[in-house]
């Protein structure tokens, strides 16, 4: 985003760094710290989504709009598989 267009500047979600040396390539943050950071982002996103009240009162849409522990486990497992594989 350009500073002169009047749009707000967004801070990056996280910053990574690659250090290339003669005999090595280092990634900062390390894998564990990166994993913990992404897990925290996903947890906060889930809390945000689950805090929204049902926008559709018709019970026909309950399967799509209501929280279900079974679907939560399946979705989180699917996301976790792709993110941390």
C-alpha atoms as a PDB file:
ATOM      1  CA  UNK A   1       0.000   0.000   0.000  1.00  0.00           C
ATOM      2  CA  UNK A   2       1.272   3.406  -0.860  1.00  0.00           C
ATOM      3  CA  UNK A   3       1.452   5.955   1.935  1.00  0.00           C
ATOM      4  CA  UNK A   4       0.189   8.815  -0.214  1.00  0.00           C
ATOM      5  CA  UNK A   5      -3.142   7.223  -1.207  1.00  0.00           C
ATOM      6  CA  UNK A   6      -4.723   7.832   2.219  1.00  0.00           C
ATOM      7  CA  UNK A   7      -5.369   4.146   2.956  1.00  0.00           C
ATOM      8  CA  UNK A   8      -4.452   2.837   6.417  1.00  0.00           C
ATOM      9  CA  UNK A   9      -1.169   1.013   6.818  1.00  0.00           C
ATOM     10  CA  UNK A  10      -1.496  -2.559   8.092  1.00  0.00           C
ATOM     11  CA  UNK A  11       1.147  -4.161  10.262  1.00  0.00           C
ATOM     12  CA  UNK A  12       2.350  -7.598   9.127  1.00  0.00           C
ATOM     13  CA  UNK A  13       0.889 -10.595  10.924  1.00  0.00           C
ATOM     14  CA  UNK A  14       4.376 -12.009  11.408  1.00  0.00           C
ATOM     15  CA  UNK A  15       7.842 -11.467   9.996  1.00  0.00           C
ATOM     16  CA  UNK A  16      10.160 -14.223   8.846  1.00  0.00           C
ATOM     17  CA  UNK A  17      13.824 -14.036   7.987  1.00  0.00           C
ATOM     18  CA  UNK A  18      16.028 -16.278   5.909  1.00  0.00           C
ATOM     19  CA  UNK A  19      19.739 -16.089   6.575  1.00  0.00           C
ATOM     20  CA  UNK A  20      21.838 -17.489   3.753  1.00  0.00           C
ATOM     21  CA  UNK A  21      25.399 -18.296   4.712  1.00  0.00           C
ATOM     22  CA  UNK A  22      28.094 -20.119   2.808  1.00  0.00           C
ATOM     23  CA  UNK A  23      27.168 -23.579   4.172  1.00  0.00           C
ATOM     24  CA  UNK A  24      23.727 -23.085   5.677  1.00  0.00           C
ATOM     25  CA  UNK A  25      20.290 -21.555   5.339  1.00  0.00           C
ATOM     26  CA  UNK A  26      18.650 -20.468   8.593  1.00  0.00           C
ATOM     27  CA  UNK A  27      14.973 -19.667   9.018  1.00  0.00           C
ATOM     28  CA  UNK A  28      13.863 -17.292  11.772  1.00  0.00           C
ATOM     29  CA  UNK A  29      11.670 -17.863  13.707  1.00  0.00           C
ATOM     30  CA  UNK A  30      12.434 -21.544  14.097  1.00  0.00           C
ATOM     31  CA  UNK A  31       9.836 -24.180  13.255  1.00  0.00           C
ATOM     32  CA  UNK A  32       8.473 -24.515  16.810  1.00  0.00           C
ATOM     33  CA  UNK A  33       8.035 -20.756  17.265  1.00  0.00           C
ATOM     34  CA  UNK A  34       6.402 -20.473  13.823  1.00  0.00           C
ATOM     35  CA  UNK A  35       4.064 -23.373  14.665  1.00  0.00           C
ATOM     36  CA  UNK A  36       3.097 -21.751  17.976  1.00  0.00           C
ATOM     37  CA  UNK A  37       2.454 -18.407  16.262  1.00  0.00           C
ATOM     38  CA  UNK A  38       0.235 -19.902  13.548  1.00  0.00           C
ATOM     39  CA  UNK A  39      -1.630 -21.954  16.174  1.00  0.00           C
ATOM     40  CA  UNK A  40      -2.349 -18.759  18.125  1.00  0.00           C
ATOM     41  CA  UNK A  41      -3.618 -17.014  14.979  1.00  0.00           C
ATOM     42  CA  UNK A  42      -5.933 -19.937  14.196  1.00  0.00           C
ATOM     43  CA  UNK A  43      -7.185 -20.026  17.813  1.00  0.00           C
ATOM     44  CA  UNK A  44      -7.989 -16.306  17.769  1.00  0.00           C
ATOM     45  CA  UNK A  45      -9.661 -16.593  14.362  1.00  0.00           C
ATOM     46  CA  UNK A  46     -11.803 -19.447  15.675  1.00  0.00           C
ATOM     47  CA  UNK A  47     -12.759 -17.440  18.774  1.00  0.00           C
ATOM     48  CA  UNK A  48     -13.720 -14.496  16.573  1.00  0.00           C
ATOM     49  CA  UNK A  49     -15.844 -16.593  14.218  1.00  0.00           C
ATOM     50  CA  UNK A  50     -17.560 -18.455  17.042  1.00  0.00           C
ATOM     51  CA  UNK A  51     -18.389 -15.189  18.828  1.00  0.00           C
ATOM     52  CA  UNK A  52     -20.698 -14.089  15.984  1.00  0.00           C
ATOM     53  CA  UNK A  53     -24.349 -14.779  16.723  1.00  0.00           C
ATOM     54  CA  UNK A  54     -26.442 -16.788  14.300  1.00  0.00           C
ATOM     55  CA  UNK A  55     -27.369 -14.442  11.460  1.00  0.00           C
ATOM     56  CA  UNK A  56     -29.991 -16.748   9.947  1.00  0.00           C
ATOM     57  CA  UNK A  57     -32.836 -17.670  12.338  1.00  0.00           C
ATOM     58  CA  UNK A  58     -34.360 -20.321  10.012  1.00  0.00           C
ATOM     59  CA  UNK A  59     -33.569 -23.785  11.438  1.00  0.00           C
ATOM     60  CA  UNK A  60     -32.978 -25.091   7.896  1.00  0.00           C
ATOM     61  CA  UNK A  61     -29.595 -23.326   7.955  1.00  0.00           C
ATOM     62  CA  UNK A  62     -28.518 -24.653  11.371  1.00  0.00           C
ATOM     63  CA  UNK A  63     -26.118 -27.152   9.795  1.00  0.00           C
ATOM     64  CA  UNK A  64     -24.282 -24.248   8.165  1.00  0.00           C
ATOM     65  CA  UNK A  65     -24.536 -21.584  10.864  1.00  0.00           C
ATOM     66  CA  UNK A  66     -24.481 -23.341  14.242  1.00  0.00           C
ATOM     67  CA  UNK A  67     -21.425 -24.520  16.097  1.00  0.00           C
ATOM     68  CA  UNK A  68     -20.928 -28.271  16.065  1.00  0.00           C
ATOM     69  CA  UNK A  69     -18.119 -29.956  17.966  1.00  0.00           C
ATOM     70  CA  UNK A  70     -17.953 -32.717  15.339  1.00  0.00           C
ATOM     71  CA  UNK A  71     -17.522 -30.254  12.473  1.00  0.00           C
ATOM     72  CA  UNK A  72     -15.035 -28.208  14.527  1.00  0.00           C
ATOM     73  CA  UNK A  73     -12.785 -31.218  15.000  1.00  0.00           C
ATOM     74  CA  UNK A  74     -12.979 -32.125  11.308  1.00  0.00           C
ATOM     75  CA  UNK A  75     -12.311 -28.574  10.109  1.00  0.00           C
ATOM     76  CA  UNK A  76      -9.476 -27.963  12.589  1.00  0.00           C
ATOM     77  CA  UNK A  77      -7.915 -31.310  11.690  1.00  0.00           C
ATOM     78  CA  UNK A  78      -8.131 -30.459   7.985  1.00  0.00           C
ATOM     79  CA  UNK A  79      -6.621 -26.988   8.500  1.00  0.00           C
ATOM     80  CA  UNK A  80      -3.916 -28.310  10.791  1.00  0.00           C
ATOM     81  CA  UNK A  81      -3.014 -31.043   8.313  1.00  0.00           C
ATOM     82  CA  UNK A  82      -2.481 -28.511   5.505  1.00  0.00           C
ATOM     83  CA  UNK A  83      -0.738 -25.863   7.598  1.00  0.00           C
ATOM     84  CA  UNK A  84       1.672 -28.085   9.481  1.00  0.00           C
ATOM     85  CA  UNK A  85       2.280 -30.924   7.007  1.00  0.00           C
END
